[in-house]
Amino acid sequence: MLDKIALTLLIIGGLNWGLVGIFSFDLVAWLFGGTGALLSRLVYILVALAAAWCITLLFREPARAEIH
């Protein structure tokens, strides 16, 4: 479950960076009152933590489904 939450946050962050790169528009800042606003900073921190968590996905063994 934590992996899915982290991936969702990472997707949000990636899409936001795409908007910044293509249109110079920061959706998170626009929604939450600017880049310095507490809620915006919280979203940025959560995305960064999610990215750090997703690094662990690169080094995990794939889960194998048991067939009974």
N, C-alpha and C. Protein backbone atom coordinates (compact mmCIF):
# COMPACT_ATOMS: atom_id res chain seq x y z
N MET A 1 0.82 -1.20 0.00
CA MET A 1 0.00 0.00 0.00
C MET A 1 0.87 1.26 0.00
N LEU A 2 1.94 1.25 0.81
CA LEU A 2 2.83 2.40 0.87
C LEU A 2 3.50 2.65 -0.48
N ASP A 3 3.80 1.57 -1.19
CA ASP A 3 4.39 1.72 -2.52
C ASP A 3 3.45 2.45 -3.47
N LYS A 4 2.17 2.12 -3.42
CA LYS A 4 1.19 2.76 -4.30
C LYS A 4 1.01 4.23 -3.96
N ILE A 5 1.00 4.55 -2.67
CA ILE A 5 0.89 5.95 -2.26
C ILE A 5 2.11 6.73 -2.74
N ALA A 6 3.29 6.15 -2.55
CA ALA A 6 4.52 6.81 -2.98
C ALA A 6 4.54 7.01 -4.49
N LEU A 7 4.12 6.00 -5.24
CA LEU A 7 4.08 6.13 -6.69
C LEU A 7 3.07 7.19 -7.13
N THR A 8 1.94 7.26 -6.46
CA THR A 8 0.94 8.28 -6.78
C THR A 8 1.49 9.68 -6.55
N LEU A 9 2.16 9.88 -5.41
CA LEU A 9 2.76 11.17 -5.13
C LEU A 9 3.86 11.51 -6.14
N LEU A 10 4.62 10.50 -6.53
CA LEU A 10 5.68 10.72 -7.51
C LEU A 10 5.10 11.10 -8.87
N ILE A 11 4.00 10.50 -9.24
CA ILE A 11 3.32 10.85 -10.50
C ILE A 11 2.83 12.29 -10.44
N ILE A 12 2.23 12.68 -9.30
CA ILE A 12 1.77 14.06 -9.14
C ILE A 12 2.94 15.02 -9.28
N GLY A 13 4.05 14.71 -8.64
CA GLY A 13 5.23 15.55 -8.73
C GLY A 13 5.78 15.63 -10.14
N GLY A 14 5.81 14.49 -10.82
CA GLY A 14 6.30 14.47 -12.20
C GLY A 14 5.42 15.28 -13.14
N LEU A 15 4.13 15.16 -12.98
CA LEU A 15 3.21 15.94 -13.82
C LEU A 15 3.34 17.43 -13.52
N ASN A 16 3.52 17.76 -12.24
CA ASN A 16 3.71 19.17 -11.89
C ASN A 16 4.99 19.71 -12.52
N TRP A 17 6.09 18.95 -12.45
CA TRP A 17 7.34 19.39 -13.08
C TRP A 17 7.19 19.51 -14.59
N GLY A 18 6.39 18.63 -15.18
CA GLY A 18 6.12 18.74 -16.61
C GLY A 18 5.41 20.04 -16.94
N LEU A 19 4.43 20.41 -16.12
CA LEU A 19 3.73 21.68 -16.32
C LEU A 19 4.68 22.86 -16.16
N VAL A 20 5.57 22.78 -15.18
CA VAL A 20 6.55 23.85 -14.98
C VAL A 20 7.47 23.95 -16.19
N GLY A 21 7.94 22.82 -16.68
CA GLY A 21 8.86 22.82 -17.81
C GLY A 21 8.24 23.26 -19.12
N ILE A 22 7.01 22.84 -19.36
CA ILE A 22 6.36 23.15 -20.64
C ILE A 22 5.69 24.52 -20.64
N PHE A 23 4.97 24.81 -19.56
CA PHE A 23 4.15 26.02 -19.53
C PHE A 23 4.58 27.06 -18.49
N SER A 24 5.64 26.79 -17.74
CA SER A 24 6.06 27.65 -16.63
C SER A 24 4.90 27.87 -15.65
N PHE A 25 4.16 26.80 -15.38
CA PHE A 25 3.00 26.86 -14.50
C PHE A 25 3.14 25.81 -13.42
N ASP A 26 3.21 26.24 -12.17
CA ASP A 26 3.32 25.34 -11.02
C ASP A 26 1.93 25.13 -10.44
N LEU A 27 1.32 24.00 -10.76
CA LEU A 27 -0.05 23.70 -10.34
C LEU A 27 -0.15 23.62 -8.82
N VAL A 28 0.82 23.00 -8.17
CA VAL A 28 0.79 22.89 -6.70
C VAL A 28 0.79 24.27 -6.06
N ALA A 29 1.68 25.13 -6.52
CA ALA A 29 1.74 26.49 -5.98
C ALA A 29 0.44 27.24 -6.26
N TRP A 30 -0.11 27.05 -7.44
CA TRP A 30 -1.36 27.73 -7.80
C TRP A 30 -2.52 27.26 -6.91
N LEU A 31 -2.57 25.96 -6.65
CA LEU A 31 -3.66 25.42 -5.83
C LEU A 31 -3.56 25.81 -4.36
N PHE A 32 -2.32 25.91 -3.86
CA PHE A 32 -2.16 26.07 -2.42
C PHE A 32 -1.57 27.40 -1.99
N GLY A 33 -1.55 28.40 -2.86
CA GLY A 33 -1.20 29.75 -2.43
C GLY A 33 0.24 30.17 -2.61
N GLY A 34 0.93 29.65 -3.59
CA GLY A 34 2.30 30.06 -3.86
C GLY A 34 3.31 29.03 -3.40
N THR A 35 4.54 29.17 -3.90
CA THR A 35 5.57 28.17 -3.59
C THR A 35 6.00 28.21 -2.13
N GLY A 36 5.84 29.34 -1.47
CA GLY A 36 6.24 29.45 -0.08
C GLY A 36 5.14 29.12 0.91
N ALA A 37 3.94 28.87 0.42
CA ALA A 37 2.82 28.56 1.31
C ALA A 37 3.05 27.22 2.01
N LEU A 38 2.56 27.13 3.22
CA LEU A 38 2.77 25.93 4.02
C LEU A 38 2.26 24.67 3.31
N LEU A 39 1.06 24.73 2.75
CA LEU A 39 0.51 23.55 2.07
C LEU A 39 1.32 23.17 0.84
N SER A 40 1.78 24.14 0.09
CA SER A 40 2.62 23.86 -1.07
C SER A 40 3.91 23.18 -0.64
N ARG A 41 4.53 23.73 0.39
CA ARG A 41 5.78 23.14 0.88
C ARG A 41 5.55 21.73 1.39
N LEU A 42 4.41 21.49 2.02
CA LEU A 42 4.08 20.15 2.51
C LEU A 42 3.96 19.17 1.34
N VAL A 43 3.29 19.60 0.27
CA VAL A 43 3.17 18.73 -0.91
C VAL A 43 4.55 18.45 -1.50
N TYR A 44 5.40 19.48 -1.62
CA TYR A 44 6.74 19.28 -2.16
C TYR A 44 7.54 18.31 -1.30
N ILE A 45 7.41 18.42 0.03
CA ILE A 45 8.12 17.52 0.94
C ILE A 45 7.61 16.10 0.80
N LEU A 46 6.30 15.93 0.70
CA LEU A 46 5.73 14.58 0.53
C LEU A 46 6.18 13.95 -0.78
N VAL A 47 6.24 14.74 -1.84
CA VAL A 47 6.71 14.21 -3.12
C VAL A 47 8.17 13.80 -3.02
N ALA A 48 8.98 14.60 -2.34
CA ALA A 48 10.39 14.26 -2.16
C ALA A 48 10.56 12.98 -1.34
N LEU A 49 9.78 12.84 -0.28
CA LEU A 49 9.84 11.61 0.52
C LEU A 49 9.38 10.40 -0.29
N ALA A 50 8.37 10.60 -1.12
CA ALA A 50 7.89 9.52 -1.98
C ALA A 50 8.98 9.11 -2.97
N ALA A 51 9.69 10.08 -3.51
CA ALA A 51 10.77 9.78 -4.44
C ALA A 51 11.87 8.99 -3.74
N ALA A 52 12.21 9.39 -2.52
CA ALA A 52 13.23 8.66 -1.76
C ALA A 52 12.76 7.23 -1.49
N TRP A 53 11.48 7.06 -1.16
CA TRP A 53 10.93 5.72 -0.92
C TRP A 53 11.00 4.88 -2.20
N CYS A 54 10.68 5.48 -3.33
CA CYS A 54 10.65 4.73 -4.59
C CYS A 54 12.04 4.27 -5.03
N ILE A 55 13.08 4.89 -4.51
CA ILE A 55 14.43 4.39 -4.79
C ILE A 55 14.55 2.94 -4.32
N THR A 56 13.89 2.62 -3.21
CA THR A 56 13.97 1.25 -2.69
C THR A 56 13.35 0.24 -3.65
N LEU A 57 12.43 0.70 -4.50
CA LEU A 57 11.81 -0.21 -5.46
C LEU A 57 12.83 -0.77 -6.45
N LEU A 58 13.86 -0.01 -6.71
CA LEU A 58 14.89 -0.45 -7.65
C LEU A 58 15.70 -1.63 -7.13
N PHE A 59 15.77 -1.78 -5.82
CA PHE A 59 16.64 -2.78 -5.22
C PHE A 59 15.90 -3.94 -4.58
N ARG A 60 14.61 -3.98 -4.70
CA ARG A 60 13.83 -5.06 -4.12
C ARG A 60 13.70 -6.23 -5.10
N GLU A 61 13.61 -7.40 -4.53
CA GLU A 61 13.32 -8.57 -5.35
C GLU A 61 11.84 -8.52 -5.73
N PRO A 62 11.53 -8.91 -6.95
CA PRO A 62 10.12 -8.91 -7.35
C PRO A 62 9.33 -9.94 -6.52
N ALA A 63 8.13 -9.52 -6.11
CA ALA A 63 7.27 -10.44 -5.36
C ALA A 63 6.74 -11.50 -6.32
N ARG A 64 6.73 -12.71 -5.83
CA ARG A 64 6.23 -13.82 -6.64
C ARG A 64 4.92 -14.33 -6.06
N ALA A 65 3.96 -14.46 -6.92
CA ALA A 65 2.66 -14.98 -6.50
C ALA A 65 2.78 -16.48 -6.33
N GLU A 66 2.28 -16.98 -5.20
CA GLU A 66 2.31 -18.42 -4.97
C GLU A 66 1.09 -19.06 -5.62
N ILE A 67 1.32 -20.13 -6.33
CA ILE A 67 0.24 -20.84 -6.99
C ILE A 67 -0.04 -22.10 -6.17
N HIS A 68 -1.29 -22.24 -5.77
CA HIS A 68 -1.68 -23.41 -4.98
C HIS A 68 -2.46 -24.37 -5.80
